[in-house]
């Protein structure tokens, strides 16, 4: 049976089941050569003015057509906009995109918990390396988690954010409003909230794991802000929640699963990819990873991440002022808010 290693795209860690020292440096170099992105095409979805920001693209395929969801902040500065909405675009070639319309728009009821922040991320996409990149239904619906909040402005600049759940049984290829729950799916006010997420919650993505590696069918990776009780460092980190039905979630006891304990560092927006290891390594894999083995493997993967960062910067760029690229001015996530950039879909 082939073993699977799960990789972050912009940072690397393992949630799989191979012993750390069974992945030699030569194999890590081969993975680096496979995933690096030395070629740049340029912007494919851009705003028409400096009063909109676009961020967080999620791409999936239906048949021969590609689709992208992305979030739009309708402000030039951190305080002058209302908040996030979620949009849909389509493409035949991944290079040329046409905006279709909104999926999560501001609700008429301004008293809702998510009245002004509705930035979504579709769930249950096939992220196998070289796979279908299709999106799956669960109980006849498509699903999406989203950044939700009542405060206006850029992300959590005025009020904390939580994680919401949206769904639709409609045509996934057509822009239409998705249904949303009346309360957050995960919240900083939950009784079982953990220290690393007590200040604010950000982007989340749900994956299906048929092997139930962590004992459950669905895994949510999400990033959040909190203060480390051991070093008093306020920062953004990545953690996991687990579920068997998408509606009831249990936080992973070992959270956060990935972090950089340094001032001003954002560790977030995890993207997981399944890559099958060569069969030659299978005989060296065990059923579980000890903490020491996981630490060693994470160290190897961090080295790989440094190589990737050198060849292709993963920092959040500040876009220059212009008619198609907005000026970015947003507070740091590590302090009071976040640091995303973006434009307008119209």
Foldseek 3Di string as FASTA:
>chain_A
DFWKFKAWLLFGAGLTFFFQVLQDLVNLVVVLVVRFDLDDDDDQFWFQAQQKFKDDWDWADDDQKIKIKIWMWRGNAQAPTQEIFIWMWIDNPVRHIATFGTAGDQDPPLVFQQRRYWTKDWEAAAQAVVDRRHHDDDPLKTKIKTWGGNGGGYAQLPHATAIWMWIDNDDPNHHDYTDTDRDHLGDLPDPPHDQQANGHWHDKYKYADPVCSVVEGIKMKTKHWHADPVPRFIAIAIFIWGDHRVRHIHGDPPPPPDDDRDHLDHDGDTDIYIDTDPPVSVVNTDRHYDPVSSVSNSVSSNVSSVVSCVSPNPDADAWDHDSTAHGYHHDPCSPRGHGHGGHDRD
